[in-house]
Protein backbone atom coordinates (compact mmCIF):
# COMPACT_ATOMS: atom_id res chain seq x y z
CA UNK A 1 1.64 -29.01 21.66
CA UNK A 2 -0.30 -26.27 23.43
CA UNK A 3 0.42 -22.63 22.65
CA UNK A 4 1.68 -21.79 26.14
CA UNK A 5 4.22 -24.62 26.03
CA UNK A 6 5.40 -23.57 22.58
CA UNK A 7 5.83 -19.97 23.73
CA UNK A 8 7.76 -21.05 26.81
CA UNK A 9 10.20 -23.01 24.67
CA UNK A 10 10.48 -20.77 21.61
CA UNK A 11 9.65 -17.13 22.34
CA UNK A 12 11.36 -14.34 24.27
CA UNK A 13 9.49 -13.63 27.49
CA UNK A 14 7.98 -10.32 26.39
CA UNK A 15 6.82 -11.65 23.01
CA UNK A 16 5.42 -14.76 24.66
CA UNK A 17 3.36 -12.62 27.04
CA UNK A 18 2.06 -10.47 24.20
CA UNK A 19 1.14 -13.47 22.06
CA UNK A 20 -0.62 -15.23 24.92
CA UNK A 21 -2.67 -12.10 25.66
CA UNK A 22 -3.65 -11.80 21.99
CA UNK A 23 -4.68 -15.45 21.85
CA UNK A 24 -6.96 -15.07 24.88
CA UNK A 25 -8.46 -11.81 23.66
CA UNK A 26 -9.08 -13.25 20.19
CA UNK A 27 -11.45 -15.83 21.65
CA UNK A 28 -13.41 -13.07 23.39
CA UNK A 29 -13.58 -11.09 20.15
CA UNK A 30 -14.78 -14.13 18.23
CA UNK A 31 -17.49 -14.87 20.80
CA UNK A 32 -18.75 -11.28 20.58
CA UNK A 33 -18.81 -10.83 16.81
CA UNK A 34 -22.55 -11.64 16.43
CA UNK A 35 -23.68 -9.28 19.19
CA UNK A 36 -21.25 -6.41 18.82
CA UNK A 37 -21.60 -6.31 15.04
CA UNK A 38 -25.38 -5.84 15.27
CA UNK A 39 -26.12 -9.15 13.52
CA UNK A 40 -28.53 -10.09 16.31
CA UNK A 41 -30.26 -6.73 16.66
CA UNK A 42 -33.25 -7.69 14.54
CA UNK A 43 -34.03 -10.80 16.58
CA UNK A 44 -32.82 -9.88 20.04
CA UNK A 45 -33.06 -6.12 20.66
CA UNK A 46 -31.75 -5.29 24.13
CA UNK A 47 -32.39 -1.57 24.25
CA UNK A 48 -28.74 -0.78 24.97
CA UNK A 49 -26.25 0.88 22.65
CA UNK A 50 -23.71 -1.66 21.47
CA UNK A 51 -20.15 -0.79 20.51
CA UNK A 52 -19.26 -1.42 16.88
CA UNK A 53 -17.30 -4.65 16.58
CA UNK A 54 -14.24 -2.73 15.35
CA UNK A 55 -14.17 -0.57 18.47
CA UNK A 56 -14.90 -3.52 20.75
CA UNK A 57 -12.06 -5.51 19.19
CA UNK A 58 -9.69 -2.58 19.49
CA UNK A 59 -10.49 -2.07 23.16
CA UNK A 60 -10.27 -5.78 23.98
CA UNK A 61 -6.88 -6.26 22.35
CA UNK A 62 -5.40 -2.98 23.61
CA UNK A 63 -6.38 -3.74 27.20
CA UNK A 64 -5.02 -7.29 26.99
CA UNK A 65 -1.72 -6.18 25.43
CA UNK A 66 -1.12 -3.35 27.89
CA UNK A 67 -1.94 -5.60 30.84
CA UNK A 68 1.16 -7.73 30.08
CA UNK A 69 3.53 -4.86 30.86
CA UNK A 70 5.57 -5.86 27.79
CA UNK A 71 4.31 -3.16 25.42
CA UNK A 72 5.82 0.31 25.35
CA UNK A 73 3.06 1.53 23.06
CA UNK A 74 0.05 0.16 21.24
CA UNK A 75 -0.97 1.69 17.93
CA UNK A 76 -4.07 0.71 16.00
CA UNK A 77 -5.82 1.77 12.85
CA UNK A 78 -8.84 2.41 15.09
CA UNK A 79 -6.95 5.05 17.14
CA UNK A 80 -5.44 8.37 16.05
CA UNK A 81 -2.69 8.17 18.68
CA UNK A 82 -0.77 5.33 20.27
CA UNK A 83 -1.50 4.25 23.84
CA UNK A 84 1.53 4.22 26.13
CA UNK A 85 2.65 1.24 28.18
CA UNK A 86 5.49 0.31 30.52
CA UNK A 87 7.42 -2.14 28.35
CA UNK A 88 9.80 -1.95 25.41
CA UNK A 89 7.91 -3.48 22.47
CA UNK A 90 5.88 -1.35 20.09
CA UNK A 91 2.72 -3.18 19.06
CA UNK A 92 0.85 -2.13 15.93
CA UNK A 93 -2.44 -3.83 15.19
CA UNK A 94 -5.40 -4.09 12.89
CA UNK A 95 -7.87 -5.38 15.50
CA UNK A 96 -10.49 -6.59 13.01
CA UNK A 97 -9.39 -7.03 9.43
CA UNK A 98 -12.25 -7.34 6.93
CA UNK A 99 -15.08 -6.28 9.23
CA UNK A 100 -17.27 -5.63 6.17
CA UNK A 101 -17.39 -9.43 5.85
CA UNK A 102 -19.49 -9.82 9.01
CA UNK A 103 -22.86 -9.71 7.27
CA UNK A 104 -21.87 -12.35 4.72
CA UNK A 105 -20.06 -14.55 7.29
CA UNK A 106 -16.84 -14.52 5.29
CA UNK A 107 -13.48 -14.73 7.08
CA UNK A 108 -12.30 -11.99 9.42
CA UNK A 109 -8.91 -11.51 11.00
CA UNK A 110 -6.66 -9.59 13.38
CA UNK A 111 -3.05 -8.60 12.59
CA UNK A 112 -0.26 -7.66 15.03
CA UNK A 113 3.32 -6.49 14.53
CA UNK A 114 5.90 -6.40 17.35
CA UNK A 115 8.53 -3.69 16.80
CA UNK A 116 11.71 -3.00 18.78
CA UNK A 117 11.80 0.71 17.86
CA UNK A 118 9.41 3.61 18.50
CA UNK A 119 6.51 3.79 16.06
CA UNK A 120 6.32 4.61 13.21
CA UNK A 121 9.28 2.65 11.85
CA UNK A 122 9.99 0.26 9.00
CA UNK A 123 9.32 -3.46 9.03
CA UNK A 124 13.05 -4.04 9.50
CA UNK A 125 12.38 -3.32 13.18
CA UNK A 126 9.91 -6.18 13.50
CA UNK A 127 10.85 -8.90 15.97
CA UNK A 128 7.61 -10.83 15.67
CA UNK A 129 4.21 -10.88 14.03
CA UNK A 130 0.91 -12.67 14.60
CA UNK A 131 -2.33 -12.92 12.71
CA UNK A 132 -5.60 -14.51 13.77
CA UNK A 133 -8.16 -15.88 11.32
CA UNK A 134 -11.82 -16.19 12.31
CA UNK A 135 -13.15 -18.64 9.75
CA UNK A 136 -14.50 -22.16 9.93
CA UNK A 137 -11.69 -22.51 12.47
CA UNK A 138 -9.99 -19.92 14.66
CA UNK A 139 -6.31 -20.08 13.84
CA UNK A 140 -3.33 -18.12 15.10
CA UNK A 141 -0.29 -17.86 12.80
CA UNK A 142 2.97 -16.44 14.15
CA UNK A 143 6.67 -15.90 13.66
CA UNK A 144 9.47 -14.50 15.80
CA UNK A 145 11.90 -14.57 12.89
CA UNK A 146 12.50 -18.33 13.02
CA UNK A 147 9.83 -19.96 10.88
CA UNK A 148 6.07 -19.66 10.64
CA UNK A 149 3.90 -21.75 12.93
CA UNK A 150 0.12 -22.15 13.21
CA UNK A 151 -2.22 -22.99 16.06
CA UNK A 152 -5.93 -23.78 16.05
CA UNK A 153 -8.46 -23.18 18.81
CA UNK A 154 -9.80 -26.51 20.05
CA UNK A 155 -12.03 -27.57 22.92
CA UNK A 156 -10.04 -28.46 26.04
CA UNK A 157 -12.58 -29.43 28.66
CA UNK A 158 -15.07 -26.59 29.09
CA UNK A 159 -12.81 -24.00 27.42
CA UNK A 160 -11.09 -23.31 24.11
CA UNK A 161 -7.31 -23.43 23.88
CA UNK A 162 -4.79 -23.17 21.05
CA UNK A 163 -2.85 -26.23 19.89
CA UNK A 164 -0.11 -26.55 17.28
CA UNK A 165 -1.38 -27.62 13.85
CA UNK A 166 1.46 -26.57 11.55
CA UNK A 167 5.17 -25.99 12.08
CA UNK A 168 7.65 -24.19 9.80
CA UNK A 169 5.03 -23.49 7.14
CA UNK A 170 6.38 -22.78 3.65
CA UNK A 171 4.82 -21.51 0.44
CA UNK A 172 4.49 -24.27 -2.19
CA UNK A 173 7.01 -24.13 -5.02
CA UNK A 174 4.36 -23.83 -7.74
CA UNK A 175 2.09 -20.76 -7.48
CA UNK A 176 -1.56 -21.54 -8.10
CA UNK A 177 -3.79 -18.65 -6.91
CA UNK A 178 -4.02 -14.88 -6.95
CA UNK A 179 -6.24 -12.17 -5.51
CA UNK A 180 -6.20 -8.46 -6.31
CA UNK A 181 -8.14 -5.78 -4.43
CA UNK A 182 -9.62 -2.53 -5.66
CA UNK A 183 -11.93 -1.94 -8.60
CA UNK A 184 -10.49 -3.28 -11.86
CA UNK A 185 -11.36 -0.04 -13.63
CA UNK A 186 -9.05 1.79 -11.20
CA UNK A 187 -6.02 -0.46 -11.64
CA UNK A 188 -3.05 1.16 -13.32
CA UNK A 189 -2.15 -0.23 -16.76
CA UNK A 190 0.89 -2.12 -15.47
CA UNK A 191 -1.17 -3.79 -12.73
CA UNK A 192 -3.75 -4.80 -15.31
CA UNK A 193 -1.10 -6.24 -17.61
CA UNK A 194 0.42 -8.30 -14.83
CA UNK A 195 -2.95 -9.66 -13.71
CA UNK A 196 -3.73 -10.58 -17.31
CA UNK A 197 -0.49 -12.57 -17.40
CA UNK A 198 -1.56 -14.50 -14.29
CA UNK A 199 -4.83 -15.43 -15.95
CA UNK A 200 -3.05 -16.47 -19.13
CA UNK A 201 -0.84 -18.93 -17.25
CA UNK A 202 -3.92 -20.60 -15.72
CA UNK A 203 -3.72 -19.34 -12.15
CA UNK A 204 -7.02 -19.30 -10.27
CA UNK A 205 -8.52 -16.20 -8.68
CA UNK A 206 -9.22 -16.30 -4.94
CA UNK A 207 -10.48 -13.13 -3.26
CA UNK A 208 -12.60 -12.96 -0.11
CA UNK A 209 -12.17 -9.35 1.01
CA UNK A 210 -9.98 -9.80 4.06
CA UNK A 211 -6.18 -9.66 3.97
CA UNK A 212 -5.60 -12.66 6.25
CA UNK A 213 -8.20 -14.78 4.47
CA UNK A 214 -6.68 -14.07 1.08
CA UNK A 215 -3.15 -14.55 2.37
CA UNK A 216 -4.10 -17.94 3.84
CA UNK A 217 -4.96 -19.04 0.30
CA UNK A 218 -1.54 -17.93 -0.92
CA UNK A 219 0.32 -19.57 1.95
CA UNK A 220 -1.48 -22.87 1.31
CA UNK A 221 -1.48 -22.83 -2.51
CA UNK A 222 1.35 -20.52 -3.56
CA UNK A 223 0.68 -17.38 -5.57
CA UNK A 224 0.20 -13.69 -4.94
CA UNK A 225 -2.17 -11.36 -3.11
CA UNK A 226 -2.24 -7.65 -3.80
CA UNK A 227 -3.96 -4.44 -2.91
CA UNK A 228 -2.18 -2.58 -5.68
CA UNK A 229 -1.53 0.97 -6.68
CA UNK A 230 -4.65 2.39 -8.32
CA UNK A 231 -5.48 5.58 -10.16
CA UNK A 232 -7.48 6.79 -7.16
CA UNK A 233 -5.12 5.43 -4.48
CA UNK A 234 -1.59 5.47 -5.90
CA UNK A 235 -0.17 4.64 -2.44
CA UNK A 236 -2.57 1.74 -2.02
CA UNK A 237 -5.07 1.22 0.77
CA UNK A 238 -3.45 -1.05 3.35
CA UNK A 239 -1.46 0.47 6.21
CA UNK A 240 2.23 -0.32 6.54
CA UNK A 241 2.56 -0.61 10.33
CA UNK A 242 -0.67 -2.46 11.00
CA UNK A 243 -1.05 -4.68 7.97
CA UNK A 244 1.52 -4.88 5.19
CA UNK A 245 4.77 -4.99 7.21
CA UNK A 246 3.66 -7.65 9.74
CA UNK A 247 2.25 -9.84 6.97
CA UNK A 248 5.40 -9.31 4.88
CA UNK A 249 7.52 -10.39 7.85
CA UNK A 250 5.51 -13.59 8.19
CA UNK A 251 5.55 -14.21 4.44
CA UNK A 252 9.33 -13.83 4.26
CA UNK A 253 9.73 -16.41 7.01
CA UNK A 254 7.58 -18.75 4.91
CA UNK A 255 10.00 -18.40 2.00
CA UNK A 256 8.11 -15.66 0.18
CA UNK A 257 8.63 -12.01 -0.64
CA UNK A 258 6.48 -8.90 -0.34
CA UNK A 259 6.96 -5.75 -2.40
CA UNK A 260 5.62 -2.22 -2.64
CA UNK A 261 6.18 -2.50 -6.38
CA UNK A 262 9.63 -0.98 -6.17
CA UNK A 263 11.27 -2.85 -3.32
CA UNK A 264 10.64 -4.84 -0.17
CA UNK A 265 7.68 -3.81 1.98
CA UNK A 266 10.00 -4.23 4.96
CA UNK A 267 12.07 -1.29 3.68
CA UNK A 268 9.13 1.11 3.48
CA UNK A 269 9.59 3.92 6.02
CA UNK A 270 6.09 5.08 7.07
CA UNK A 271 5.94 8.80 7.80
CA UNK A 272 2.92 8.41 10.08
CA UNK A 273 1.07 5.70 11.97
CA UNK A 274 -1.54 5.50 9.21
CA UNK A 275 0.82 5.59 6.18
CA UNK A 276 -0.20 3.22 3.37
CA UNK A 277 1.60 1.39 0.60
CA UNK A 278 0.69 -0.85 -2.32
CA UNK A 279 1.39 -4.47 -1.42
CA UNK A 280 2.23 -7.47 -3.58
CA UNK A 281 2.82 -10.48 -1.35
CA UNK A 282 3.34 -14.17 -1.89
CA UNK A 283 5.64 -16.50 -3.80
CA UNK A 284 9.07 -14.89 -4.13
CA UNK A 285 9.58 -15.60 -7.83
CA UNK A 286 6.19 -14.24 -8.79
CA UNK A 287 6.53 -11.04 -6.77
CA UNK A 288 10.03 -10.40 -8.12
CA UNK A 289 8.67 -10.95 -11.61
CA UNK A 290 6.13 -8.23 -10.91
CA UNK A 291 8.93 -5.89 -9.79
CA UNK A 292 10.84 -6.50 -13.02
CA UNK A 293 7.68 -5.84 -15.07
CA UNK A 294 7.07 -2.62 -13.14
CA UNK A 295 10.67 -1.49 -13.64
CA UNK A 296 10.49 -2.21 -17.35
CA UNK A 297 13.20 -4.87 -17.25
CA UNK A 298 10.88 -7.86 -17.44
């Protein structure tokens, strides 16, 4: 099934328009990663000043989203203020997650949250979320609160289009992998103890430096991904509106749970567009175990 047909049958009109615009823009972003990131500068200097890939991605997605007329505002971690639109949905985005991976050709991503209240607000106001992965395939993973579904970009004549590759995705029952961000020397003692327990039970480490890439491992294998509290960043690194809440919304629809360490990520009330929180996301039992360890009851 093609993405447009799926959206017509399963998504509210405004969310369908937003998702379709993101899908189209993501292909443009992917095509421009080599040039706009400067990867080709050494072999093909053009003499013109290129935008950084982060800024290019931000501009491409913001323009596409606003052009639908469905967004009331678009906020991004690349902008200090939200851009205003004519619709009702608040869109918060990380236009290029993991851009430091460009030079090593590791996965990159884009994350989008659709909120039905003015930003900033908690993840309880999410009505949809989408993330794109630029890896050995371009995939688009989405939910509107009724299951998690995945599409892959495939050749359709002379152009690329998205087709359904996975419906109602669920985390496996047995957790197998984990990934934890930040420098180990900066982890708090309780984070270190919990990670040690994961190693002791034979779970395998998987960490590639981009939220969506690491979460894909968890969704496929079961387990946990975290950018935790640290001694230098007690409120974590990842932003609630743009990253942790949309991914938590998707993860919950896949049967998982995401925590700040003391409760659901979806209950975190950001006090600004750029507010951050620790995140522990993945298999529900494992994340709740972490909460009990952190509270001293486990």
